[in-house]
Amino acid sequence: MMPSILTAREKEVFDLLVSNKTTSEIASLLFISEKTVRNHISNVIQKLGVKGRAQALLN
């Protein structure tokens, strides 16, 4: 199995995003700020080489 390019936290945020959670819901669930959630999402988008949240969810 190929190692993930995402950190454990980025994967956690991404999984919640895939589960249709909002930024504020993810922040509440993980006890982090919405800005931190947005930073993690931005990192995921960059690492996956996609153009935005919607495209990241499709990959």
Protein backbone atom coordinates (compact mmCIF):
# COMPACT_ATOMS: atom_id res chain seq x y z
CA MET A 1 0.00 0.00 0.00
CA MET A 2 1.28 3.46 -0.92
CA PRO A 3 1.93 5.83 2.00
CA SER A 4 -0.42 8.79 2.20
CA ILE A 5 0.86 12.18 1.10
CA LEU A 6 -1.53 13.73 3.62
CA THR A 7 -0.78 14.12 7.31
CA ALA A 8 -3.06 12.33 9.75
CA ARG A 9 -4.84 15.62 10.57
CA GLU A 10 -5.24 16.58 6.90
CA LYS A 11 -6.78 13.16 6.24
CA GLU A 12 -9.09 13.60 9.23
CA VAL A 13 -10.24 17.01 7.94
CA PHE A 14 -10.61 15.66 4.39
CA ASP A 15 -12.67 12.68 5.57
CA LEU A 16 -15.04 15.03 7.41
CA LEU A 17 -15.24 17.24 4.33
CA VAL A 18 -16.15 14.19 2.25
CA SER A 19 -18.83 13.45 4.87
CA ASN A 20 -20.40 16.79 3.90
CA LYS A 21 -19.37 18.64 7.07
CA THR A 22 -18.96 22.43 6.94
CA THR A 23 -15.79 24.24 7.95
CA SER A 24 -17.37 25.30 11.24
CA GLU A 25 -18.66 21.77 11.95
CA ILE A 26 -15.18 20.32 11.31
CA ALA A 27 -13.63 22.96 13.58
CA SER A 28 -16.06 22.09 16.39
CA LEU A 29 -15.58 18.33 16.00
CA LEU A 30 -11.78 18.56 16.05
CA PHE A 31 -11.51 21.38 18.61
CA ILE A 32 -9.55 23.62 16.22
CA SER A 33 -10.27 27.03 14.69
CA GLU A 34 -12.04 27.49 11.37
CA LYS A 35 -8.86 29.14 10.05
CA THR A 36 -6.90 25.98 10.91
CA VAL A 37 -9.52 23.88 9.09
CA ARG A 38 -9.21 26.13 6.03
CA ASN A 39 -5.41 25.79 6.19
CA HIS A 40 -5.66 21.99 6.28
CA ILE A 41 -8.12 22.02 3.35
CA SER A 42 -5.79 24.31 1.41
CA ASN A 43 -2.87 21.92 2.07
CA VAL A 44 -4.97 18.94 0.91
CA ILE A 45 -5.97 20.75 -2.28
CA GLN A 46 -2.35 21.66 -2.99
CA LYS A 47 -1.03 18.14 -2.26
CA LEU A 48 -3.70 16.52 -4.44
CA GLY A 49 -2.94 18.98 -7.24
CA VAL A 50 -6.56 20.03 -7.69
CA LYS A 51 -8.17 23.43 -8.14
CA GLY A 52 -10.61 23.52 -5.24
CA ARG A 53 -12.73 21.70 -2.69
CA ALA A 54 -15.17 20.31 -5.21
CA GLN A 55 -12.42 18.85 -7.41
CA ALA A 56 -10.62 17.48 -4.33
CA LEU A 57 -13.80 15.64 -3.33
CA LEU A 58 -14.07 14.09 -6.79
CA ASN A 59 -10.52 12.65 -6.67
